[in-house]
PDB file of all heavy atoms in Angstrom:
ATOM      1  N   LEU A   1      -6.124  20.375  18.855  1.00  0.00           N
ATOM      2  CA  LEU A   1      -7.489  19.819  18.677  1.00  0.00           C
ATOM      3  C   LEU A   1      -8.418  20.046  19.842  1.00  0.00           C
ATOM      4  O   LEU A   1      -9.494  19.449  19.913  1.00  0.00           O
ATOM      5  CB  LEU A   1      -7.372  18.282  18.432  1.00  0.00           C
ATOM      6  CG  LEU A   1      -6.588  17.864  17.188  1.00  0.00           C
ATOM      7  CD1 LEU A   1      -6.448  16.342  17.179  1.00  0.00           C
ATOM      8  CD2 LEU A   1      -7.281  18.387  15.920  1.00  0.00           C
ATOM      9  N   SER A   2      -8.062  20.999  20.701  1.00  0.00           N
ATOM     10  CA  SER A   2      -8.828  21.211  21.910  1.00  0.00           C
ATOM     11  C   SER A   2     -10.283  21.679  21.605  1.00  0.00           C
ATOM     12  O   SER A   2     -11.252  21.209  22.227  1.00  0.00           O
ATOM     13  CB  SER A   2      -8.171  22.243  22.849  1.00  0.00           C
ATOM     14  OG  SER A   2      -8.082  23.504  22.189  1.00  0.00           O
ATOM     15  N   ASN A   3     -10.450  22.584  20.636  1.00  0.00           N
ATOM     16  CA  ASN A   3     -11.785  23.053  20.296  1.00  0.00           C
ATOM     17  C   ASN A   3     -12.663  21.927  19.699  1.00  0.00           C
ATOM     18  O   ASN A   3     -13.842  21.858  19.996  1.00  0.00           O
ATOM     19  CB  ASN A   3     -11.692  24.189  19.255  1.00  0.00           C
ATOM     20  CG  ASN A   3     -11.112  25.423  19.912  1.00  0.00           C
ATOM     21  OD1 ASN A   3     -11.259  25.724  21.104  1.00  0.00           O
ATOM     22  ND2 ASN A   3     -10.414  26.286  19.107  1.00  0.00           N
ATOM     23  N   PHE A   4     -12.053  21.072  18.901  1.00  0.00           N
ATOM     24  CA  PHE A   4     -12.767  19.926  18.331  1.00  0.00           C
ATOM     25  C   PHE A   4     -13.246  18.984  19.429  1.00  0.00           C
ATOM     26  O   PHE A   4     -14.417  18.543  19.455  1.00  0.00           O
ATOM     27  CB  PHE A   4     -11.873  19.140  17.372  1.00  0.00           C
ATOM     28  CG  PHE A   4     -12.439  17.861  16.885  1.00  0.00           C
ATOM     29  CD1 PHE A   4     -13.460  17.883  15.935  1.00  0.00           C
ATOM     30  CD2 PHE A   4     -11.956  16.649  17.381  1.00  0.00           C
ATOM     31  CE1 PHE A   4     -14.002  16.666  15.500  1.00  0.00           C
ATOM     32  CE2 PHE A   4     -12.463  15.461  16.924  1.00  0.00           C
ATOM     33  CZ  PHE A   4     -13.518  15.496  15.982  1.00  0.00           C
ATOM     34  N   TYR A   5     -12.364  18.696  20.403  1.00  0.00           N
ATOM     35  CA  TYR A   5     -12.745  17.817  21.477  1.00  0.00           C
ATOM     36  C   TYR A   5     -13.845  18.438  22.378  1.00  0.00           C
ATOM     37  O   TYR A   5     -14.730  17.735  22.835  1.00  0.00           O
ATOM     38  CB  TYR A   5     -11.509  17.474  22.353  1.00  0.00           C
ATOM     39  CG  TYR A   5     -10.505  16.542  21.622  1.00  0.00           C
ATOM     40  CD1 TYR A   5      -9.149  16.794  21.732  1.00  0.00           C
ATOM     41  CD2 TYR A   5     -10.925  15.463  20.923  1.00  0.00           C
ATOM     42  CE1 TYR A   5      -8.246  16.005  21.103  1.00  0.00           C
ATOM     43  CE2 TYR A   5     -10.069  14.658  20.265  1.00  0.00           C
ATOM     44  CZ  TYR A   5      -8.707  14.866  20.373  1.00  0.00           C
ATOM     45  OH  TYR A   5      -7.833  14.070  19.724  1.00  0.00           O
ATOM     46  N   LYS A   6     -13.748  19.739  22.573  1.00  0.00           N
ATOM     47  CA  LYS A   6     -14.774  20.425  23.374  1.00  0.00           C
ATOM     48  C   LYS A   6     -16.135  20.275  22.736  1.00  0.00           C
ATOM     49  O   LYS A   6     -17.135  20.013  23.466  1.00  0.00           O
ATOM     50  CB  LYS A   6     -14.388  21.936  23.502  1.00  0.00           C
ATOM     51  CG  LYS A   6     -13.251  22.258  24.418  1.00  0.00           C
ATOM     52  CD  LYS A   6     -12.992  23.726  24.398  1.00  0.00           C
ATOM     53  CE  LYS A   6     -11.685  24.092  25.098  1.00  0.00           C
ATOM     54  NZ  LYS A   6     -11.382  25.544  24.998  1.00  0.00           N
ATOM     55  N   ILE A   7     -16.199  20.447  21.444  1.00  0.00           N
ATOM     56  CA  ILE A   7     -17.504  20.293  20.715  1.00  0.00           C
ATOM     57  C   ILE A   7     -18.040  18.894  20.827  1.00  0.00           C
ATOM     58  O   ILE A   7     -19.202  18.680  21.119  1.00  0.00           O
ATOM     59  CB  ILE A   7     -17.325  20.713  19.246  1.00  0.00           C
ATOM     60  CG1 ILE A   7     -17.016  22.205  19.155  1.00  0.00           C
ATOM     61  CG2 ILE A   7     -18.576  20.376  18.449  1.00  0.00           C
ATOM     62  CD1 ILE A   7     -16.624  22.619  17.729  1.00  0.00           C
ATOM     63  N   ILE A   8     -17.153  17.898  20.616  1.00  0.00           N
ATOM     64  CA  ILE A   8     -17.566  16.508  20.688  1.00  0.00           C
ATOM     65  C   ILE A   8     -18.150  16.166  22.061  1.00  0.00           C
ATOM     66  O   ILE A   8     -19.176  15.509  22.160  1.00  0.00           O
ATOM     67  CB  ILE A   8     -16.360  15.557  20.355  1.00  0.00           C
ATOM     68  CG1 ILE A   8     -15.936  15.752  18.878  1.00  0.00           C
ATOM     69  CG2 ILE A   8     -16.728  14.108  20.609  1.00  0.00           C
ATOM     70  CD1 ILE A   8     -17.018  15.405  17.850  1.00  0.00           C
ATOM     71  N   PHE A   9     -17.436  16.563  23.093  1.00  0.00           N
ATOM     72  CA  PHE A   9     -17.927  16.225  24.443  1.00  0.00           C
ATOM     73  C   PHE A   9     -19.144  17.072  24.870  1.00  0.00           C
ATOM     74  O   PHE A   9     -19.909  16.649  25.753  1.00  0.00           O
ATOM     75  CB  PHE A   9     -16.782  16.428  25.444  1.00  0.00           C
ATOM     76  CG  PHE A   9     -15.748  15.302  25.424  1.00  0.00           C
ATOM     77  CD1 PHE A   9     -14.474  15.489  24.968  1.00  0.00           C
ATOM     78  CD2 PHE A   9     -16.098  14.041  25.889  1.00  0.00           C
ATOM     79  CE1 PHE A   9     -13.545  14.496  24.907  1.00  0.00           C
ATOM     80  CE2 PHE A   9     -15.162  13.021  25.830  1.00  0.00           C
ATOM     81  CZ  PHE A   9     -13.883  13.211  25.335  1.00  0.00           C
ATOM     82  N   PHE A  10     -19.246  18.265  24.301  1.00  0.00           N
ATOM     83  CA  PHE A  10     -20.331  19.166  24.752  1.00  0.00           C
ATOM     84  C   PHE A  10     -21.661  18.898  24.036  1.00  0.00           C
ATOM     85  O   PHE A  10     -22.711  19.253  24.595  1.00  0.00           O
ATOM     86  CB  PHE A  10     -19.916  20.620  24.440  1.00  0.00           C
ATOM     87  CG  PHE A  10     -20.696  21.631  25.261  1.00  0.00           C
ATOM     88  CD1 PHE A  10     -20.470  21.813  26.611  1.00  0.00           C
ATOM     89  CD2 PHE A  10     -21.745  22.398  24.678  1.00  0.00           C
ATOM     90  CE1 PHE A  10     -21.187  22.747  27.347  1.00  0.00           C
ATOM     91  CE2 PHE A  10     -22.418  23.328  25.387  1.00  0.00           C
ATOM     92  CZ  PHE A  10     -22.171  23.521  26.722  1.00  0.00           C
ATOM     93  N   ILE A  11     -21.656  18.247  22.898  1.00  0.00           N
ATOM     94  CA  ILE A  11     -22.894  17.962  22.122  1.00  0.00           C
ATOM     95  C   ILE A  11     -23.922  17.232  22.951  1.00  0.00           C
ATOM     96  O   ILE A  11     -25.086  17.616  22.943  1.00  0.00           O
ATOM     97  CB  ILE A  11     -22.515  17.228  20.840  1.00  0.00           C
ATOM     98  CG1 ILE A  11     -21.920  18.145  19.814  1.00  0.00           C
ATOM     99  CG2 ILE A  11     -23.794  16.542  20.230  1.00  0.00           C
ATOM    100  CD1 ILE A  11     -21.455  17.445  18.538  1.00  0.00           C
ATOM    101  N   PRO A  12     -23.575  16.148  23.706  1.00  0.00           N
ATOM    102  CA  PRO A  12     -24.637  15.493  24.516  1.00  0.00           C
ATOM    103  C   PRO A  12     -25.353  16.415  25.537  1.00  0.00           C
ATOM    104  O   PRO A  12     -26.516  16.235  25.731  1.00  0.00           O
ATOM    105  CB  PRO A  12     -23.849  14.364  25.260  1.00  0.00           C
ATOM    106  CG  PRO A  12     -22.673  14.155  24.417  1.00  0.00           C
ATOM    107  CD  PRO A  12     -22.277  15.476  23.837  1.00  0.00           C
ATOM    108  N   TYR A  13     -24.596  17.421  26.061  1.00  0.00           N
ATOM    109  CA  TYR A  13     -25.218  18.269  27.039  1.00  0.00           C
ATOM    110  C   TYR A  13     -26.281  19.183  26.490  1.00  0.00           C
ATOM    111  O   TYR A  13     -27.289  19.459  27.144  1.00  0.00           O
ATOM    112  CB  TYR A  13     -24.163  19.111  27.746  1.00  0.00           C
ATOM    113  CG  TYR A  13     -24.701  19.953  28.876  1.00  0.00           C
ATOM    114  CD1 TYR A  13     -24.969  19.383  30.105  1.00  0.00           C
ATOM    115  CD2 TYR A  13     -24.910  21.315  28.698  1.00  0.00           C
ATOM    116  CE1 TYR A  13     -25.506  20.162  31.125  1.00  0.00           C
ATOM    117  CE2 TYR A  13     -25.418  22.084  29.714  1.00  0.00           C
ATOM    118  CZ  TYR A  13     -25.752  21.514  30.944  1.00  0.00           C
ATOM    119  OH  TYR A  13     -26.233  22.258  31.977  1.00  0.00           O
ATOM    120  N   ILE A  14     -26.119  19.577  25.224  1.00  0.00           N
ATOM    121  CA  ILE A  14     -27.096  20.504  24.617  1.00  0.00           C
ATOM    122  C   ILE A  14     -28.154  19.723  23.829  1.00  0.00           C
ATOM    123  O   ILE A  14     -29.081  20.316  23.198  1.00  0.00           O
ATOM    124  CB  ILE A  14     -26.378  21.515  23.688  1.00  0.00           C
ATOM    125  CG1 ILE A  14     -25.619  20.809  22.560  1.00  0.00           C
ATOM    126  CG2 ILE A  14     -25.449  22.402  24.475  1.00  0.00           C
ATOM    127  CD1 ILE A  14     -24.988  21.732  21.557  1.00  0.00           C
ATOM    128  N   SER A  15     -28.037  18.402  23.808  1.00  0.00           N
ATOM    129  CA  SER A  15     -29.033  17.614  23.127  1.00  0.00           C
ATOM    130  C   SER A  15     -30.251  17.391  23.990  1.00  0.00           C
ATOM    131  O   SER A  15     -30.133  17.305  25.248  1.00  0.00           O
ATOM    132  CB  SER A  15     -28.437  16.233  22.718  1.00  0.00           C
ATOM    133  OG  SER A  15     -27.329  16.411  21.884  1.00  0.00           O
ATOM    134  N   PRO A  16     -31.436  17.225  23.434  1.00  0.00           N
ATOM    135  CA  PRO A  16     -32.661  16.986  24.247  1.00  0.00           C
ATOM    136  C   PRO A  16     -32.524  15.710  25.060  1.00  0.00           C
ATOM    137  O   PRO A  16     -32.133  14.680  24.478  1.00  0.00           O
ATOM    138  CB  PRO A  16     -33.768  16.892  23.193  1.00  0.00           C
ATOM    139  CG  PRO A  16     -33.258  17.584  22.015  1.00  0.00           C
ATOM    140  CD  PRO A  16     -31.780  17.358  21.969  1.00  0.00           C
ATOM    141  N   MET A  17     -32.895  15.742  26.347  1.00  0.00           N
ATOM    142  CA  MET A  17     -32.710  14.594  27.189  1.00  0.00           C
ATOM    143  C   MET A  17     -33.634  13.418  26.733  1.00  0.00           C
ATOM    144  O   MET A  17     -33.206  12.241  26.895  1.00  0.00           O
ATOM    145  CB  MET A  17     -33.091  14.933  28.635  1.00  0.00           C
ATOM    146  CG  MET A  17     -32.681  13.916  29.642  1.00  0.00           C
ATOM    147  SD  MET A  17     -30.900  13.674  29.698  1.00  0.00           S
ATOM    148  CE  MET A  17     -30.832  11.891  29.656  1.00  0.00           C
ATOM    149  N   VAL A  18     -34.783  13.692  26.174  1.00  0.00           N
ATOM    150  CA  VAL A  18     -35.646  12.645  25.687  1.00  0.00           C
ATOM    151  C   VAL A  18     -34.974  11.874  24.576  1.00  0.00           C
ATOM    152  O   VAL A  18     -34.999  10.672  24.495  1.00  0.00           O
ATOM    153  CB  VAL A  18     -37.010  13.192  25.246  1.00  0.00           C
ATOM    154  CG1 VAL A  18     -37.850  12.078  24.599  1.00  0.00           C
ATOM    155  CG2 VAL A  18     -37.748  13.811  26.374  1.00  0.00           C
ATOM    156  N   ALA A  19     -34.344  12.604  23.627  1.00  0.00           N
ATOM    157  CA  ALA A  19     -33.658  11.971  22.504  1.00  0.00           C
ATOM    158  C   ALA A  19     -32.492  11.134  22.991  1.00  0.00           C
ATOM    159  O   ALA A  19     -32.266  10.016  22.547  1.00  0.00           O
ATOM    160  CB  ALA A  19     -33.173  13.041  21.511  1.00  0.00           C
ATOM    161  N   ILE A  20     -31.726  11.655  23.984  1.00  0.00           N
ATOM    162  CA  ILE A  20     -30.634  10.894  24.533  1.00  0.00           C
ATOM    163  C   ILE A  20     -31.193   9.647  25.247  1.00  0.00           C
ATOM    164  O   ILE A  20     -30.570   8.555  25.069  1.00  0.00           O
ATOM    165  CB  ILE A  20     -29.870  11.824  25.607  1.00  0.00           C
ATOM    166  CG1 ILE A  20     -29.166  12.915  24.893  1.00  0.00           C
ATOM    167  CG2 ILE A  20     -28.919  10.950  26.424  1.00  0.00           C
ATOM    168  CD1 ILE A  20     -28.475  13.898  25.795  1.00  0.00           C
ATOM    169  N   ALA A  21     -32.250   9.756  25.968  1.00  0.00           N
ATOM    170  CA  ALA A  21     -32.773   8.547  26.685  1.00  0.00           C
ATOM    171  C   ALA A  21     -33.245   7.504  25.686  1.00  0.00           C
ATOM    172  O   ALA A  21     -33.088   6.305  25.947  1.00  0.00           O
ATOM    173  CB  ALA A  21     -33.955   9.001  27.572  1.00  0.00           C
ATOM    174  N   LEU A  22     -33.857   7.917  24.589  1.00  0.00           N
ATOM    175  CA  LEU A  22     -34.311   6.951  23.556  1.00  0.00           C
ATOM    176  C   LEU A  22     -33.131   6.244  22.917  1.00  0.00           C
ATOM    177  O   LEU A  22     -33.220   5.041  22.641  1.00  0.00           O
ATOM    178  CB  LEU A  22     -35.168   7.675  22.535  1.00  0.00           C
ATOM    179  CG  LEU A  22     -36.507   8.161  23.005  1.00  0.00           C
ATOM    180  CD1 LEU A  22     -37.196   9.006  21.942  1.00  0.00           C
ATOM    181  CD2 LEU A  22     -37.416   6.988  23.380  1.00  0.00           C
ATOM    182  N   ILE A  23     -32.043   6.994  22.705  1.00  0.00           N
ATOM    183  CA  ILE A  23     -30.816   6.347  22.090  1.00  0.00           C
ATOM    184  C   ILE A  23     -30.251   5.303  23.066  1.00  0.00           C
ATOM    185  O   ILE A  23     -29.961   4.168  22.659  1.00  0.00           O
ATOM    186  CB  ILE A  23     -29.770   7.459  21.810  1.00  0.00           C
ATOM    187  CG1 ILE A  23     -30.243   8.326  20.661  1.00  0.00           C
ATOM    188  CG2 ILE A  23     -28.437   6.769  21.472  1.00  0.00           C
ATOM    189  CD1 ILE A  23     -29.354   9.493  20.394  1.00  0.00           C
ATOM    190  N   TRP A  24     -30.226   5.672  24.363  1.00  0.00           N
ATOM    191  CA  TRP A  24     -29.698   4.710  25.321  1.00  0.00           C
ATOM    192  C   TRP A  24     -30.662   3.593  25.571  1.00  0.00           C
ATOM    193  O   TRP A  24     -30.240   2.437  25.937  1.00  0.00           O
ATOM    194  CB  TRP A  24     -29.354   5.433  26.637  1.00  0.00           C
ATOM    195  CG  TRP A  24     -28.034   6.095  26.577  1.00  0.00           C
ATOM    196  CD1 TRP A  24     -27.803   7.434  26.227  1.00  0.00           C
ATOM    197  CD2 TRP A  24     -26.757   5.552  26.818  1.00  0.00           C
ATOM    198  NE1 TRP A  24     -26.451   7.683  26.250  1.00  0.00           N
ATOM    199  CE2 TRP A  24     -25.791   6.547  26.632  1.00  0.00           C
ATOM    200  CE3 TRP A  24     -26.327   4.263  27.248  1.00  0.00           C
ATOM    201  CZ2 TRP A  24     -24.420   6.337  26.781  1.00  0.00           C
ATOM    202  CZ3 TRP A  24     -24.971   4.088  27.442  1.00  0.00           C
ATOM    203  CH2 TRP A  24     -24.029   5.061  27.219  1.00  0.00           C
ATOM    204  N   GLN A  25     -31.927   3.774  25.370  1.00  0.00           N
ATOM    205  CA  GLN A  25     -32.905   2.738  25.464  1.00  0.00           C
ATOM    206  C   GLN A  25     -32.616   1.620  24.390  1.00  0.00           C
ATOM    207  O   GLN A  25     -32.718   0.442  24.663  1.00  0.00           O
ATOM    208  CB  GLN A  25     -34.323   3.257  25.255  1.00  0.00           C
ATOM    209  CG  GLN A  25     -35.448   2.250  25.558  1.00  0.00           C
ATOM    210  CD  GLN A  25     -36.825   2.888  25.415  1.00  0.00           C
ATOM    211  OE1 GLN A  25     -37.104   3.514  24.411  1.00  0.00           O
ATOM    212  NE2 GLN A  25     -37.604   2.692  26.428  1.00  0.00           N
ATOM    213  N   TRP A  26     -32.264   2.081  23.194  1.00  0.00           N
ATOM    214  CA  TRP A  26     -31.840   1.175  22.167  1.00  0.00           C
ATOM    215  C   TRP A  26     -30.533   0.459  22.475  1.00  0.00           C
ATOM    216  O   TRP A  26     -30.392  -0.745  22.312  1.00  0.00           O
ATOM    217  CB  TRP A  26     -31.730   1.893  20.801  1.00  0.00           C
ATOM    218  CG  TRP A  26     -30.989   1.120  19.761  1.00  0.00           C
ATOM    219  CD1 TRP A  26     -31.356  -0.043  19.193  1.00  0.00           C
ATOM    220  CD2 TRP A  26     -29.691   1.409  19.248  1.00  0.00           C
ATOM    221  NE1 TRP A  26     -30.419  -0.489  18.276  1.00  0.00           N
ATOM    222  CE2 TRP A  26     -29.363   0.406  18.298  1.00  0.00           C
ATOM    223  CE3 TRP A  26     -28.809   2.474  19.421  1.00  0.00           C
ATOM    224  CZ2 TRP A  26     -28.182   0.367  17.589  1.00  0.00           C
ATOM    225  CZ3 TRP A  26     -27.599   2.486  18.728  1.00  0.00           C
ATOM    226  CH2 TRP A  26     -27.320   1.441  17.812  1.00  0.00           C
ATOM    227  N   ILE A  27     -29.552   1.216  23.065  1.00  0.00           N
ATOM    228  CA  ILE A  27     -28.280   0.634  23.442  1.00  0.00           C
ATOM    229  C   ILE A  27     -28.476  -0.444  24.449  1.00  0.00           C
ATOM    230  O   ILE A  27     -27.830  -1.511  24.447  1.00  0.00           O
ATOM    231  CB  ILE A  27     -27.325   1.720  23.962  1.00  0.00           C
ATOM    232  CG1 ILE A  27     -26.957   2.702  22.845  1.00  0.00           C
ATOM    233  CG2 ILE A  27     -26.074   1.118  24.576  1.00  0.00           C
ATOM    234  CD1 ILE A  27     -26.134   3.881  23.327  1.00  0.00           C
ATOM    235  N   TYR A  28     -29.403  -0.245  25.436  1.00  0.00           N
ATOM    236  CA  TYR A  28     -29.622  -1.166  26.489  1.00  0.00           C
ATOM    237  C   TYR A  28     -30.676  -2.239  26.171  1.00  0.00           C
ATOM    238  O   TYR A  28     -31.015  -3.057  26.999  1.00  0.00           O
ATOM    239  CB  TYR A  28     -30.132  -0.415  27.727  1.00  0.00           C
ATOM    240  CG  TYR A  28     -29.069   0.361  28.436  1.00  0.00           C
ATOM    241  CD1 TYR A  28     -29.364   1.679  28.909  1.00  0.00           C
ATOM    242  CD2 TYR A  28     -27.814  -0.123  28.695  1.00  0.00           C
ATOM    243  CE1 TYR A  28     -28.392   2.419  29.582  1.00  0.00           C
ATOM    244  CE2 TYR A  28     -26.834   0.599  29.328  1.00  0.00           C
ATOM    245  CZ  TYR A  28     -27.135   1.841  29.808  1.00  0.00           C
ATOM    246  OH  TYR A  28     -26.185   2.576  30.475  1.00  0.00           O
ATOM    247  N   SER A  29     -31.213  -2.268  24.951  1.00  0.00           N
ATOM    248  CA  SER A  29     -32.235  -3.239  24.609  1.00  0.00           C
ATOM    249  C   SER A  29     -31.778  -4.675  24.841  1.00  0.00           C
ATOM    250  O   SER A  29     -30.622  -4.993  24.575  1.00  0.00           O
ATOM    251  CB  SER A  29     -32.630  -3.070  23.087  1.00  0.00           C
ATOM    252  OG  SER A  29     -33.228  -1.822  22.874  1.00  0.00           O
ATOM    253  N   PRO A  30     -32.664  -5.525  25.338  1.00  0.00           N
ATOM    254  CA  PRO A  30     -32.313  -6.889  25.620  1.00  0.00           C
ATOM    255  C   PRO A  30     -32.014  -7.689  24.367  1.00  0.00           C
ATOM    256  O   PRO A  30     -32.416  -7.302  23.298  1.00  0.00           O
ATOM    257  CB  PRO A  30     -33.508  -7.460  26.350  1.00  0.00           C
ATOM    258  CG  PRO A  30     -34.706  -6.615  25.917  1.00  0.00           C
ATOM    259  CD  PRO A  30     -34.085  -5.247  25.708  1.00  0.00           C
ATOM    260  N   GLY A  31     -31.266  -8.779  24.502  1.00  0.00           N
ATOM    261  CA  GLY A  31     -30.900  -9.614  23.357  1.00  0.00           C
ATOM    262  C   GLY A  31     -29.849  -8.866  22.533  1.00  0.00           C
ATOM    263  O   GLY A  31     -29.232  -7.903  22.978  1.00  0.00           O
ATOM    264  N   GLU A  32     -29.584  -9.335  21.315  1.00  0.00           N
ATOM    265  CA  GLU A  32     -28.608  -8.763  20.458  1.00  0.00           C
ATOM    266  C   GLU A  32     -29.175  -7.598  19.669  1.00  0.00           C
ATOM    267  O   GLU A  32     -28.482  -7.084  18.747  1.00  0.00           O
ATOM    268  CB  GLU A  32     -28.020  -9.787  19.506  1.00  0.00           C
ATOM    269  CG  GLU A  32     -27.196 -10.866  20.251  1.00  0.00           C
ATOM    270  CD  GLU A  32     -26.393 -11.739  19.341  1.00  0.00           C
ATOM    271  OE1 GLU A  32     -26.459 -11.504  18.138  1.00  0.00           O
ATOM    272  OE2 GLU A  32     -25.736 -12.654  19.802  1.00  0.00           O
ATOM    273  N   VAL A  33     -30.390  -7.199  19.944  1.00  0.00           N
ATOM    274  CA  VAL A  33     -30.982  -6.012  19.310  1.00  0.00           C
ATOM    275  C   VAL A  33     -30.275  -4.720  19.805  1.00  0.00           C
ATOM    276  O   VAL A  33     -29.992  -3.811  18.997  1.00  0.00           O
ATOM    277  CB  VAL A  33     -32.497  -5.894  19.562  1.00  0.00           C
ATOM    278  CG1 VAL A  33     -33.044  -4.600  19.028  1.00  0.00           C
ATOM    279  CG2 VAL A  33     -33.191  -7.130  19.006  1.00  0.00           C
ATOM    280  N   GLY A  34     -29.938  -4.727  21.104  1.00  0.00           N
ATOM    281  CA  GLY A  34     -29.259  -3.571  21.688  1.00  0.00           C
ATOM    282  C   GLY A  34     -27.777  -3.573  21.349  1.00  0.00           C
ATOM    283  O   GLY A  34     -27.130  -4.639  21.237  1.00  0.00           O
ATOM    284  N   LEU A  35     -27.272  -2.372  21.173  1.00  0.00           N
ATOM    285  CA  LEU A  35     -25.849  -2.202  20.816  1.00  0.00           C
ATOM    286  C   LEU A  35     -24.900  -2.775  21.859  1.00  0.00           C
ATOM    287  O   LEU A  35     -23.914  -3.440  21.520  1.00  0.00           O
ATOM    288  CB  LEU A  35     -25.556  -0.735  20.582  1.00  0.00           C
ATOM    289  CG  LEU A  35     -24.096  -0.401  20.152  1.00  0.00           C
ATOM    290  CD1 LEU A  35     -23.709  -1.063  18.884  1.00  0.00           C
ATOM    291  CD2 LEU A  35     -23.905   1.096  20.078  1.00  0.00           C
ATOM    292  N   LEU A  36     -25.225  -2.567  23.127  1.00  0.00           N
ATOM    293  CA  LEU A  36     -24.337  -3.061  24.200  1.00  0.00           C
ATOM    294  C   LEU A  36     -24.245  -4.592  24.226  1.00  0.00           C
ATOM    295  O   LEU A  36     -23.156  -5.125  24.251  1.00  0.00           O
ATOM    296  CB  LEU A  36     -24.861  -2.508  25.535  1.00  0.00           C
ATOM    297  CG  LEU A  36     -23.976  -2.895  26.749  1.00  0.00           C
ATOM    298  CD1 LEU A  36     -22.567  -2.467  26.632  1.00  0.00           C
ATOM    299  CD2 LEU A  36     -24.597  -2.277  28.028  1.00  0.00           C
ATOM    300  N   ASN A  37     -25.419  -5.222  24.208  1.00  0.00           N
ATOM    301  CA  ASN A  37     -25.388  -6.698  24.198  1.00  0.00           C
ATOM    302  C   ASN A  37     -24.765  -7.249  22.924  1.00  0.00           C
ATOM    303  O   ASN A  37     -24.056  -8.260  22.951  1.00  0.00           O
ATOM    304  CB  ASN A  37     -26.810  -7.238  24.362  1.00  0.00           C
ATOM    305  CG  ASN A  37     -27.297  -7.159  25.784  1.00  0.00           C
ATOM    306  OD1 ASN A  37     -26.535  -7.334  26.738  1.00  0.00           O
ATOM    307  ND2 ASN A  37     -28.576  -6.862  25.957  1.00  0.00           N
ATOM    308  N   TYR A  38     -24.998  -6.607  21.830  1.00  0.00           N
ATOM    309  CA  TYR A  38     -24.408  -7.020  20.561  1.00  0.00           C
ATOM    310  C   TYR A  38     -22.890  -6.940  20.615  1.00  0.00           C
ATOM    311  O   TYR A  38     -22.130  -7.852  20.146  1.00  0.00           O
ATOM    312  CB  TYR A  38     -24.876  -6.176  19.392  1.00  0.00           C
ATOM    313  CG  TYR A  38     -24.322  -6.525  18.059  1.00  0.00           C
ATOM    314  CD1 TYR A  38     -24.708  -7.691  17.396  1.00  0.00           C
ATOM    315  CD2 TYR A  38     -23.370  -5.714  17.481  1.00  0.00           C
ATOM    316  CE1 TYR A  38     -24.159  -8.069  16.148  1.00  0.00           C
ATOM    317  CE2 TYR A  38     -22.822  -6.016  16.247  1.00  0.00           C
ATOM    318  CZ  TYR A  38     -23.215  -7.175  15.586  1.00  0.00           C
ATOM    319  OH  TYR A  38     -22.661  -7.514  14.332  1.00  0.00           O
ATOM    320  N   THR A  39     -22.359  -5.878  21.214  1.00  0.00           N
ATOM    321  CA  THR A  39     -20.923  -5.712  21.347  1.00  0.00           C
ATOM    322  C   THR A  39     -20.324  -6.761  22.317  1.00  0.00           C
ATOM    323  O   THR A  39     -19.289  -7.339  22.023  1.00  0.00           O
ATOM    324  CB  THR A  39     -20.592  -4.289  21.876  1.00  0.00           C
ATOM    325  OG1 THR A  39     -21.121  -3.359  20.988  1.00  0.00           O
ATOM    326  CG2 THR A  39     -19.080  -4.111  21.976  1.00  0.00           C
ATOM    327  N   LEU A  40     -21.072  -7.013  23.417  1.00  0.00           N
ATOM    328  CA  LEU A  40     -20.541  -8.000  24.422  1.00  0.00           C
ATOM    329  C   LEU A  40     -20.590  -9.409  23.868  1.00  0.00           C
ATOM    330  O   LEU A  40     -19.811 -10.267  24.329  1.00  0.00           O
ATOM    331  CB  LEU A  40     -21.446  -7.922  25.674  1.00  0.00           C
ATOM    332  CG  LEU A  40     -21.347  -6.640  26.520  1.00  0.00           C
ATOM    333  CD1 LEU A  40     -22.284  -6.667  27.670  1.00  0.00           C
ATOM    334  CD2 LEU A  40     -19.896  -6.407  27.003  1.00  0.00           C
ATOM    335  N   SER A  41     -21.431  -9.679  22.852  1.00  0.00           N
ATOM    336  CA  SER A  41     -21.480 -11.006  22.285  1.00  0.00           C
ATOM    337  C   SER A  41     -20.201 -11.410  21.631  1.00  0.00           C
ATOM    338  O   SER A  41     -19.861 -12.631  21.492  1.00  0.00           O
ATOM    339  CB  SER A  41     -22.653 -11.109  21.284  1.00  0.00           C
ATOM    340  OG  SER A  41     -22.437 -10.302  20.154  1.00  0.00           O
ATOM    341  N   PHE A  42     -19.415 -10.445  21.149  1.00  0.00           N
ATOM    342  CA  PHE A  42     -18.127 -10.755  20.503  1.00  0.00           C
ATOM    343  C   PHE A  42     -17.125 -11.247  21.537  1.00  0.00           C
ATOM    344  O   PHE A  42     -16.138 -11.928  21.171  1.00  0.00           O
ATOM    345  CB  PHE A  42     -17.554  -9.494  19.858  1.00  0.00           C
ATOM    346  CG  PHE A  42     -18.283  -9.081  18.606  1.00  0.00           C
ATOM    347  CD1 PHE A  42     -19.199  -8.055  18.610  1.00  0.00           C
ATOM    348  CD2 PHE A  42     -18.111  -9.821  17.413  1.00  0.00           C
ATOM    349  CE1 PHE A  42     -19.914  -7.696  17.430  1.00  0.00           C
ATOM    350  CE2 PHE A  42     -18.772  -9.431  16.256  1.00  0.00           C
ATOM    351  CZ  PHE A  42     -19.693  -8.367  16.268  1.00  0.00           C
ATOM    352  N   PHE A  43     -17.347 -10.994  22.815  1.00  0.00           N
ATOM    353  CA  PHE A  43     -16.489 -11.449  23.866  1.00  0.00           C
ATOM    354  C   PHE A  43     -17.061 -12.629  24.623  1.00  0.00           C
ATOM    355  O   PHE A  43     -16.625 -12.973  25.703  1.00  0.00           O
ATOM    356  CB  PHE A  43     -16.148 -10.301  24.850  1.00  0.00           C
ATOM    357  CG  PHE A  43     -15.575  -9.101  24.172  1.00  0.00           C
ATOM    358  CD1 PHE A  43     -16.344  -8.034  23.749  1.00  0.00           C
ATOM    359  CD2 PHE A  43     -14.205  -9.027  23.936  1.00  0.00           C
ATOM    360  CE1 PHE A  43     -15.797  -6.916  23.156  1.00  0.00           C
ATOM    361  CE2 PHE A  43     -13.624  -7.923  23.317  1.00  0.00           C
ATOM    362  CZ  PHE A  43     -14.461  -6.872  22.916  1.00  0.00           C
TER     363      PHE A  43
END
């Protein structure tokens, strides 16, 4: 599965940095709107 894993890990590098930053902006959003805080709420 080495070729599959290479593609999965390499996709972020070839993705536009602005798009990546916007995705992480949503992940880091305050409250339970953001994915990270929503996940941490289960713990």
